[in-house]
Amino acid sequence: MKFTIPRDNLSEMVLYIWKIIEYPQISLDELYYKISFDLFLYPPNETKKVIESAIKANYLIKTPDNNIKLSNNLEKQLKTWNLNQKDTIIRKIQQLQKQNQERTEFIEENKNQFNILLKALLDKGTINRAAGISDSDLKITEFSPQKGTLKATIKGSKEFPYDIEIDLNQKMIKHNCHDFETKRAQNYKFCKHLAKLFLILRKSDEGWANQALEKITTNIEEWTFTT
């Protein structure tokens, strides 16, 4: 839910209130009490005017048993909003499950070659931050296993995405995020973006990912980590 209160739009205000109270129907007195004393949206005298205006505008309907409910149109909007909220929650749960799976796979006791090699290039906590990046935020723009080169972009905190370039033959890793530039590069370490790149590469071409990590970690002082 957007927490900006739409006081200047009566229909949106009614819908905003119903998103909170989550009742199909409610008595007039209870609605009055909730708006004034539970939600503190309006003072009591103004609450009465708002409810009367909403009824007059047919945003709220009086039922035969003297309860208040949403108009059909606003009820449809509320159902659509609830479905969208449900889809958003499901996507977030799935993303969290995927992130947790990546973390679990990485810290398994039976560590494989990939995990051992990648861990040598990471500081504590980097893998957790990498797992928090969505796969869709990274795009591999050029990839030539034969030439040993790869280029990619990855969404970051700035307006434009960060660039990543790897050249195994030139022994060069180029990346322009602030963390890599100021902290990681000088210590031959990966930032979360580079870690995420290799987590994705493991899924698509684990052989090349292992080969690249092995070349990087072998005689790493011969490599250039640059921006």
Protein backbone atom coordinates (compact mmCIF):
# COMPACT_ATOMS: atom_id res chain seq x y z
CA MET A 1 0.00 0.00 0.00
CA LYS A 2 1.08 3.53 -0.70
CA PHE A 3 1.14 5.35 2.60
CA THR A 4 0.51 8.80 1.12
CA ILE A 5 -2.99 9.71 2.30
CA PRO A 6 -5.09 10.90 -0.69
CA ARG A 7 -7.04 13.58 1.15
CA ASP A 8 -7.72 15.57 -2.01
CA ASN A 9 -9.55 12.74 -3.77
CA LEU A 10 -12.66 11.40 -2.02
CA SER A 11 -12.97 8.12 -3.95
CA GLU A 12 -9.28 7.30 -3.40
CA MET A 13 -9.64 8.26 0.25
CA VAL A 14 -12.56 5.86 0.69
CA LEU A 15 -10.56 3.12 -1.01
CA TYR A 16 -7.54 3.93 1.17
CA ILE A 17 -9.68 3.51 4.31
CA TRP A 18 -11.11 0.20 3.11
CA LYS A 19 -7.63 -1.16 2.39
CA ILE A 20 -6.91 -0.66 6.07
CA ILE A 21 -10.14 -1.80 7.72
CA GLU A 22 -10.54 -4.84 5.39
CA TYR A 23 -14.26 -5.30 6.17
CA PRO A 24 -16.82 -6.14 3.45
CA GLN A 25 -19.36 -4.18 5.46
CA ILE A 26 -19.28 -2.10 8.62
CA SER A 27 -21.83 -0.25 10.73
CA LEU A 28 -21.98 3.51 10.42
CA ASP A 29 -21.01 4.01 14.06
CA GLU A 30 -18.07 1.63 13.83
CA LEU A 31 -16.83 3.27 10.63
CA TYR A 32 -17.09 6.67 12.30
CA TYR A 33 -15.13 5.41 15.32
CA LYS A 34 -12.39 3.75 13.25
CA ILE A 35 -11.75 6.79 11.05
CA SER A 36 -11.73 9.23 13.98
CA PHE A 37 -10.20 7.29 16.87
CA ASP A 38 -8.39 4.26 15.44
CA LEU A 39 -6.86 5.74 12.30
CA PHE A 40 -6.96 9.41 13.35
CA LEU A 41 -7.57 10.45 9.76
CA TYR A 42 -10.04 13.20 10.58
CA PRO A 43 -11.43 14.87 13.68
CA PRO A 44 -14.92 13.56 14.64
CA ASN A 45 -16.92 16.46 13.17
CA GLU A 46 -15.05 16.24 9.85
CA THR A 47 -15.34 12.44 9.76
CA LYS A 48 -19.12 12.72 9.70
CA LYS A 49 -18.96 15.10 6.73
CA VAL A 50 -16.55 12.81 4.84
CA ILE A 51 -18.81 9.78 5.30
CA GLU A 52 -21.90 11.74 4.26
CA SER A 53 -20.11 13.08 1.18
CA ALA A 54 -18.95 9.59 0.22
CA ILE A 55 -22.48 8.24 0.52
CA LYS A 56 -23.89 11.14 -1.48
CA ALA A 57 -21.29 10.55 -4.21
CA ASN A 58 -22.16 6.82 -4.25
CA TYR A 59 -18.66 5.80 -3.20
CA LEU A 60 -20.22 4.21 -0.10
CA ILE A 61 -23.53 2.35 -0.14
CA LYS A 62 -26.00 1.80 2.70
CA THR A 63 -27.15 -1.83 2.88
CA PRO A 64 -30.71 -2.89 3.86
CA ASP A 65 -29.44 -3.78 7.34
CA ASN A 66 -28.01 -0.25 7.75
CA ASN A 67 -24.38 -1.22 7.25
CA ILE A 68 -21.96 0.62 4.98
CA LYS A 69 -20.10 -0.99 2.09
CA LEU A 70 -18.06 0.07 -0.92
CA SER A 71 -19.69 0.86 -4.22
CA ASN A 72 -19.40 -1.86 -6.86
CA ASN A 73 -16.80 0.13 -8.77
CA LEU A 74 -14.59 0.71 -5.72
CA GLU A 75 -15.05 -2.89 -4.63
CA LYS A 76 -13.70 -4.02 -8.00
CA GLN A 77 -10.71 -1.68 -7.58
CA LEU A 78 -10.10 -3.09 -4.10
CA LYS A 79 -10.18 -6.67 -5.40
CA THR A 80 -7.71 -5.76 -8.15
CA TRP A 81 -5.42 -4.10 -5.60
CA ASN A 82 -5.59 -7.17 -3.33
CA LEU A 83 -4.67 -9.47 -6.22
CA ASN A 84 -1.74 -7.25 -7.16
CA GLN A 85 -0.59 -7.20 -3.55
CA LYS A 86 -0.81 -10.99 -3.41
CA ASP A 87 1.26 -11.33 -6.59
CA THR A 88 3.85 -8.89 -5.23
CA ILE A 89 4.13 -10.82 -1.97
CA ILE A 90 4.46 -14.13 -3.81
CA ARG A 91 7.23 -12.71 -6.02
CA LYS A 92 9.08 -11.38 -2.97
CA ILE A 93 8.78 -14.73 -1.20
CA GLN A 94 10.07 -16.54 -4.28
CA GLN A 95 12.97 -14.11 -4.55
CA LEU A 96 13.85 -14.57 -0.87
CA GLN A 97 13.67 -18.34 -1.28
CA LYS A 98 15.98 -18.13 -4.27
CA GLN A 99 18.41 -15.92 -2.37
CA ASN A 100 18.39 -18.29 0.60
CA GLN A 101 18.99 -21.21 -1.74
CA GLU A 102 22.02 -19.45 -3.22
CA ARG A 103 23.39 -18.79 0.26
CA THR A 104 22.76 -22.39 1.33
CA GLU A 105 24.40 -23.79 -1.78
CA PHE A 106 27.43 -21.60 -1.21
CA ILE A 107 28.01 -22.58 2.45
CA GLU A 108 27.33 -26.30 2.08
CA GLU A 109 29.81 -28.51 3.88
CA ASN A 110 30.63 -30.39 0.68
CA LYS A 111 32.14 -27.30 -0.94
CA ASN A 112 32.87 -27.76 -4.65
CA GLN A 113 35.68 -26.21 -6.65
CA PHE A 114 33.60 -23.20 -7.62
CA ASN A 115 32.81 -22.25 -4.02
CA ILE A 116 36.40 -22.67 -2.89
CA LEU A 117 37.75 -20.50 -5.71
CA LEU A 118 35.12 -17.80 -5.37
CA LYS A 119 35.44 -17.63 -1.60
CA ALA A 120 39.14 -16.79 -1.99
CA LEU A 121 38.10 -13.57 -3.77
CA LEU A 122 35.41 -12.47 -1.29
CA ASP A 123 35.41 -10.64 2.00
CA LYS A 124 33.06 -11.69 4.77
CA GLY A 125 29.44 -10.92 3.99
CA THR A 126 29.93 -10.29 0.26
CA ILE A 127 28.11 -13.49 -0.75
CA ASN A 128 25.02 -12.45 1.22
CA ARG A 129 24.95 -9.06 -0.50
CA ALA A 130 25.46 -10.73 -3.89
CA ALA A 131 22.58 -13.14 -3.29
CA GLY A 132 20.37 -10.13 -2.61
CA ILE A 133 20.80 -8.88 -6.18
CA SER A 134 18.09 -10.01 -8.59
CA ASP A 135 19.25 -12.11 -11.55
CA SER A 136 17.35 -9.76 -13.85
CA ASP A 137 19.55 -6.84 -12.74
CA LEU A 138 22.55 -8.35 -14.57
CA LYS A 139 22.86 -8.58 -18.34
CA ILE A 140 25.77 -10.28 -20.12
CA THR A 141 26.30 -8.22 -23.27
CA GLU A 142 29.33 -10.05 -24.75
CA PHE A 143 30.68 -13.51 -23.94
CA SER A 144 33.41 -15.36 -25.84
CA PRO A 145 34.67 -18.47 -24.01
CA GLN A 146 37.21 -19.06 -26.79
CA LYS A 147 38.73 -15.59 -26.40
CA GLY A 148 38.33 -15.64 -22.64
CA THR A 149 36.41 -12.36 -22.63
CA LEU A 150 33.16 -11.26 -21.05
CA LYS A 151 31.28 -7.98 -20.76
CA ALA A 152 28.20 -7.31 -18.65
CA THR A 153 26.14 -4.56 -17.07
CA ILE A 154 24.51 -4.67 -13.67
CA LYS A 155 21.95 -2.42 -12.03
CA GLY A 156 23.26 -0.44 -9.06
CA SER A 157 22.36 2.49 -6.86
CA LYS A 158 23.08 5.06 -9.58
CA GLU A 159 20.87 6.06 -12.51
CA PHE A 160 22.96 4.13 -15.02
CA PRO A 161 24.07 0.48 -14.65
CA TYR A 162 27.64 -0.45 -13.77
CA ASP A 163 29.94 -2.09 -16.34
CA ILE A 164 31.93 -5.28 -15.90
CA GLU A 165 34.67 -6.46 -18.24
CA ILE A 166 36.84 -9.57 -17.84
CA ASP A 167 39.72 -10.60 -20.10
CA LEU A 168 41.42 -13.83 -19.06
CA ASN A 169 44.27 -13.48 -21.57
CA GLN A 170 45.05 -9.87 -20.62
CA LYS A 171 44.55 -10.79 -16.94
CA MET A 172 42.26 -7.85 -16.42
CA ILE A 173 39.03 -7.23 -14.50
CA LYS A 174 37.41 -3.86 -15.03
CA HIS A 175 34.43 -2.64 -13.02
CA ASN A 176 33.24 0.80 -11.98
CA CYS A 177 31.15 0.51 -8.82
CA HIS A 178 32.26 2.65 -5.88
CA ASP A 179 32.95 -0.30 -3.56
CA PHE A 180 35.21 -2.02 -6.10
CA GLU A 181 36.98 1.22 -6.98
CA THR A 182 37.71 2.37 -3.42
CA LYS A 183 38.09 -0.88 -1.47
CA ARG A 184 38.09 -4.17 -3.33
CA ALA A 185 40.30 -3.60 -6.39
CA GLN A 186 43.42 -2.64 -4.48
CA ASN A 187 43.13 -5.84 -2.39
CA TYR A 188 42.31 -8.12 -5.35
CA LYS A 189 38.82 -8.80 -4.01
CA PHE A 190 35.40 -9.06 -5.66
CA CYS A 191 32.53 -6.74 -4.81
CA LYS A 192 28.95 -8.03 -4.66
CA HIS A 193 28.42 -7.32 -8.38
CA LEU A 194 31.34 -9.49 -9.49
CA ALA A 195 30.29 -12.20 -7.06
CA LYS A 196 26.75 -12.10 -8.52
CA LEU A 197 28.14 -12.35 -12.04
CA PHE A 198 29.95 -15.59 -11.20
CA LEU A 199 26.95 -17.01 -9.35
CA ILE A 200 24.97 -16.56 -12.56
CA LEU A 201 27.81 -17.89 -14.73
CA ARG A 202 27.91 -21.03 -12.59
CA LYS A 203 24.33 -21.80 -13.69
CA SER A 204 24.93 -21.24 -17.40
CA ASP A 205 28.54 -22.38 -17.84
CA GLU A 206 30.10 -23.69 -14.64
CA GLY A 207 33.12 -25.04 -16.54
CA TRP A 208 34.06 -21.59 -17.82
CA ALA A 209 33.29 -20.01 -14.45
CA ASN A 210 35.65 -22.45 -12.72
CA GLN A 211 38.32 -21.93 -15.38
CA ALA A 212 38.09 -18.15 -15.03
CA LEU A 213 38.23 -18.24 -11.22
CA GLU A 214 41.19 -20.60 -11.30
CA LYS A 215 43.10 -18.31 -13.68
CA ILE A 216 42.28 -15.27 -11.53
CA THR A 217 43.29 -16.86 -8.23
CA THR A 218 46.50 -18.34 -9.67
CA ASN A 219 49.23 -15.67 -9.55
CA ILE A 220 46.62 -13.06 -8.75
CA GLU A 221 49.27 -10.40 -8.30
CA GLU A 222 49.79 -10.51 -12.08
CA TRP A 223 46.20 -9.40 -12.61
CA THR A 224 44.93 -5.88 -13.03
CA PHE A 225 41.81 -4.97 -11.08
CA THR A 226 40.79 -1.60 -12.47
CA THR A 227 37.94 0.81 -13.02
